[in-house]
Amino acid sequence: MQILIQSKKEDLSQHIKKIRNNSQKQNNKILKKYSEKYLQYIEEKNNKNKSASKNIYLIYKNTSENIEENIIQDLNEKQIKIKECLGRCGNLVVECNKEETKNILFSFFNLKKFLES
C-alpha cells in the first residue's frame, strides 16, 4: 500500500470576508466577540501563510495470483476495512471515480502546472 499526501496552501481571504460580514450583522455581543477573536486567528494564519489543506490518498494493490473474481473480492474487502478504520478516526472518506483519480495523479506528478492554473 502507498500513501499519497497532497498539501496545498489556502488563501482564506474569502472566508475572512464572509466572517467579517456575518460578524458586523451580529446583534449578540458575546457571539460578536467570539466572531472577532476567530477572525483575528484566521487573519493571523492567512498572513503567515500557515493555512493549508491536505488530501490523503491510499493506493493499494493485490499481489496474489488468484483469478480476477478473487482479486476483486479481496480488494473490496480491503477497501471496506480501510474506510472503516479511517472513518473511526474522524476522517471524511470519499471514493474517487476514474476521472477524479486521473486528475489527482496529474496534479501530484505535475505540481508546477497544477499550481499555475
C-alpha atoms as a PDB file:
ATOM      1  CA  MET A   1       0.000   0.000   0.000  1.00  0.00           C
ATOM      2  CA  GLN A   2       1.159   3.533  -0.729  1.00  0.00           C
ATOM      3  CA  ILE A   3       0.083   6.719   0.971  1.00  0.00           C
ATOM      4  CA  LEU A   4      -0.053   9.844  -1.163  1.00  0.00           C
ATOM      5  CA  ILE A   5      -0.340  13.153   0.704  1.00  0.00           C
ATOM      6  CA  GLN A   6      -1.060  16.292  -1.272  1.00  0.00           C
ATOM      7  CA  SER A   7      -0.754  19.658   0.527  1.00  0.00           C
ATOM      8  CA  LYS A   8      -1.978  22.908  -0.903  1.00  0.00           C
ATOM      9  CA  LYS A   9      -1.634  26.385   0.608  1.00  0.00           C
ATOM     10  CA  GLU A  10      -5.004  28.031   1.008  1.00  0.00           C
ATOM     11  CA  ASP A  11      -5.949  31.678   0.656  1.00  0.00           C
ATOM     12  CA  LEU A  12      -8.538  32.407   3.324  1.00  0.00           C
ATOM     13  CA  SER A  13      -9.454  35.900   2.085  1.00  0.00           C
ATOM     14  CA  GLN A  14     -12.997  34.928   1.033  1.00  0.00           C
ATOM     15  CA  HIS A  15     -13.583  33.077   4.307  1.00  0.00           C
ATOM     16  CA  ILE A  16     -12.353  36.130   6.252  1.00  0.00           C
ATOM     17  CA  LYS A  17     -14.642  38.401   4.242  1.00  0.00           C
ATOM     18  CA  LYS A  18     -17.653  36.184   4.966  1.00  0.00           C
ATOM     19  CA  ILE A  19     -16.874  36.074   8.710  1.00  0.00           C
ATOM     20  CA  ARG A  20     -16.407  39.850   8.825  1.00  0.00           C
ATOM     21  CA  ASN A  21     -19.795  40.408   7.117  1.00  0.00           C
ATOM     22  CA  ASN A  22     -21.563  37.975   9.464  1.00  0.00           C
ATOM     23  CA  SER A  23     -19.836  39.499  12.499  1.00  0.00           C
ATOM     24  CA  GLN A  24     -20.967  43.009  11.577  1.00  0.00           C
ATOM     25  CA  LYS A  25     -24.579  41.803  11.283  1.00  0.00           C
ATOM     26  CA  GLN A  26     -24.437  40.037  14.658  1.00  0.00           C
ATOM     27  CA  ASN A  27     -26.553  41.623  17.430  1.00  0.00           C
ATOM     28  CA  ASN A  28     -25.490  39.285  20.238  1.00  0.00           C
ATOM     29  CA  LYS A  29     -22.409  40.880  21.873  1.00  0.00           C
ATOM     30  CA  ILE A  30     -20.972  37.558  23.068  1.00  0.00           C
ATOM     31  CA  LEU A  31     -21.227  35.964  19.628  1.00  0.00           C
ATOM     32  CA  LYS A  32     -19.794  39.101  18.057  1.00  0.00           C
ATOM     33  CA  LYS A  33     -16.827  38.938  20.427  1.00  0.00           C
ATOM     34  CA  TYR A  34     -16.166  35.266  19.546  1.00  0.00           C
ATOM     35  CA  SER A  35     -16.510  36.040  15.849  1.00  0.00           C
ATOM     36  CA  GLU A  36     -13.936  38.816  16.135  1.00  0.00           C
ATOM     37  CA  LYS A  37     -11.490  36.574  18.021  1.00  0.00           C
ATOM     38  CA  TYR A  38     -11.925  33.845  15.411  1.00  0.00           C
ATOM     39  CA  LEU A  39     -11.450  36.434  12.676  1.00  0.00           C
ATOM     40  CA  GLN A  40      -8.160  37.562  14.260  1.00  0.00           C
ATOM     41  CA  TYR A  41      -6.974  33.957  14.450  1.00  0.00           C
ATOM     42  CA  ILE A  42      -7.853  33.250  10.800  1.00  0.00           C
ATOM     43  CA  GLU A  43      -6.261  36.507   9.598  1.00  0.00           C
ATOM     44  CA  GLU A  44      -3.075  35.654  11.505  1.00  0.00           C
ATOM     45  CA  LYS A  45      -2.931  32.191   9.906  1.00  0.00           C
ATOM     46  CA  ASN A  46      -3.596  33.659   6.468  1.00  0.00           C
ATOM     47  CA  ASN A  47      -0.936  36.375   6.876  1.00  0.00           C
ATOM     48  CA  LYS A  48       1.673  33.839   7.963  1.00  0.00           C
ATOM     49  CA  ASN A  49       0.655  31.606   5.049  1.00  0.00           C
ATOM     50  CA  LYS A  50       0.182  28.753   7.505  1.00  0.00           C
ATOM     51  CA  SER A  51      -3.190  27.589   6.254  1.00  0.00           C
ATOM     52  CA  ALA A  52      -3.182  24.534   4.048  1.00  0.00           C
ATOM     53  CA  SER A  53      -5.469  21.768   3.037  1.00  0.00           C
ATOM     54  CA  LYS A  54      -4.295  18.196   2.845  1.00  0.00           C
ATOM     55  CA  ASN A  55      -5.683  15.378   0.789  1.00  0.00           C
ATOM     56  CA  ILE A  56      -4.561  11.887   1.727  1.00  0.00           C
ATOM     57  CA  TYR A  57      -4.926   9.038  -0.737  1.00  0.00           C
ATOM     58  CA  LEU A  58      -4.324   5.365  -0.073  1.00  0.00           C
ATOM     59  CA  ILE A  59      -3.210   3.331  -3.063  1.00  0.00           C
ATOM     60  CA  TYR A  60      -3.196  -0.408  -2.656  1.00  0.00           C
ATOM     61  CA  LYS A  61      -2.874  -3.392  -4.903  1.00  0.00           C
ATOM     62  CA  ASN A  62      -3.241  -7.130  -4.591  1.00  0.00           C
ATOM     63  CA  THR A  63      -0.140  -9.170  -5.411  1.00  0.00           C
ATOM     64  CA  SER A  64      -1.730 -12.602  -5.187  1.00  0.00           C
ATOM     65  CA  GLU A  65      -2.101 -14.685  -8.341  1.00  0.00           C
ATOM     66  CA  ASN A  66      -5.784 -15.527  -7.879  1.00  0.00           C
ATOM     67  CA  ILE A  67      -8.311 -15.361 -10.601  1.00  0.00           C
ATOM     68  CA  GLU A  68      -9.878 -11.987 -11.351  1.00  0.00           C
ATOM     69  CA  GLU A  69     -13.017 -12.588  -9.259  1.00  0.00           C
ATOM     70  CA  ASN A  70     -10.960 -13.367  -6.127  1.00  0.00           C
ATOM     71  CA  ILE A  71      -8.779 -10.308  -6.684  1.00  0.00           C
ATOM     72  CA  ILE A  72     -11.822  -8.051  -6.949  1.00  0.00           C
ATOM     73  CA  GLN A  73     -13.342  -9.560  -3.801  1.00  0.00           C
ATOM     74  CA  ASP A  74     -10.052  -9.158  -1.913  1.00  0.00           C
ATOM     75  CA  LEU A  75      -9.731  -5.519  -2.971  1.00  0.00           C
ATOM     76  CA  ASN A  76     -13.323  -4.787  -1.984  1.00  0.00           C
ATOM     77  CA  GLU A  77     -12.707  -6.268   1.479  1.00  0.00           C
ATOM     78  CA  LYS A  78      -9.534  -4.178   1.882  1.00  0.00           C
ATOM     79  CA  GLN A  79     -11.363  -1.068   0.760  1.00  0.00           C
ATOM     80  CA  ILE A  80     -14.164  -1.609   3.308  1.00  0.00           C
ATOM     81  CA  LYS A  81     -11.665  -2.219   6.117  1.00  0.00           C
ATOM     82  CA  ILE A  82      -9.619   0.887   5.269  1.00  0.00           C
ATOM     83  CA  LYS A  83     -12.741   3.071   5.007  1.00  0.00           C
ATOM     84  CA  GLU A  84     -13.994   1.832   8.394  1.00  0.00           C
ATOM     85  CA  CYS A  85     -10.635   2.422  10.097  1.00  0.00           C
ATOM     86  CA  LEU A  86     -10.240   5.927   8.646  1.00  0.00           C
ATOM     87  CA  GLY A  87     -13.858   6.784   9.441  1.00  0.00           C
ATOM     88  CA  ARG A  88     -13.417   5.741  13.093  1.00  0.00           C
ATOM     89  CA  CYS A  89     -10.543   8.240  13.319  1.00  0.00           C
ATOM     90  CA  GLY A  90     -12.871  11.063  12.277  1.00  0.00           C
ATOM     91  CA  ASN A  91     -11.719  11.273   8.656  1.00  0.00           C
ATOM     92  CA  LEU A  92     -14.045  12.024   5.785  1.00  0.00           C
ATOM     93  CA  VAL A  93     -13.716   9.137   3.334  1.00  0.00           C
ATOM     94  CA  VAL A  94     -14.926   9.504  -0.236  1.00  0.00           C
ATOM     95  CA  GLU A  95     -14.442   7.281  -3.242  1.00  0.00           C
ATOM     96  CA  CYS A  96     -12.979   8.778  -6.410  1.00  0.00           C
ATOM     97  CA  ASN A  97     -14.090   7.769  -9.849  1.00  0.00           C
ATOM     98  CA  LYS A  98     -11.592   7.079 -12.626  1.00  0.00           C
ATOM     99  CA  GLU A  99     -11.572  10.682 -13.901  1.00  0.00           C
ATOM    100  CA  GLU A 100     -11.036  12.138 -10.422  1.00  0.00           C
ATOM    101  CA  THR A 101      -8.190   9.687  -9.841  1.00  0.00           C
ATOM    102  CA  LYS A 102      -6.525  10.774 -13.092  1.00  0.00           C
ATOM    103  CA  ASN A 103      -6.829  14.444 -12.070  1.00  0.00           C
ATOM    104  CA  ILE A 104      -5.396  13.753  -8.609  1.00  0.00           C
ATOM    105  CA  LEU A 105      -2.414  11.862 -10.004  1.00  0.00           C
ATOM    106  CA  PHE A 106      -1.881  14.507 -12.708  1.00  0.00           C
ATOM    107  CA  SER A 107      -1.853  17.291 -10.106  1.00  0.00           C
ATOM    108  CA  PHE A 108       0.578  15.324  -7.950  1.00  0.00           C
ATOM    109  CA  PHE A 109       3.050  14.498 -10.721  1.00  0.00           C
ATOM    110  CA  ASN A 110       2.698  17.882 -12.449  1.00  0.00           C
ATOM    111  CA  LEU A 111       2.594  20.123  -9.387  1.00  0.00           C
ATOM    112  CA  LYS A 112       4.101  23.132 -11.159  1.00  0.00           C
ATOM    113  CA  LYS A 113       1.442  23.104 -13.918  1.00  0.00           C
ATOM    114  CA  PHE A 114      -1.304  22.435 -11.354  1.00  0.00           C
ATOM    115  CA  LEU A 115      -0.336  25.452  -9.205  1.00  0.00           C
ATOM    116  CA  GLU A 116      -0.170  27.766 -12.221  1.00  0.00           C
ATOM    117  CA  SER A 117      -3.781  27.049 -13.221  1.00  0.00           C
END
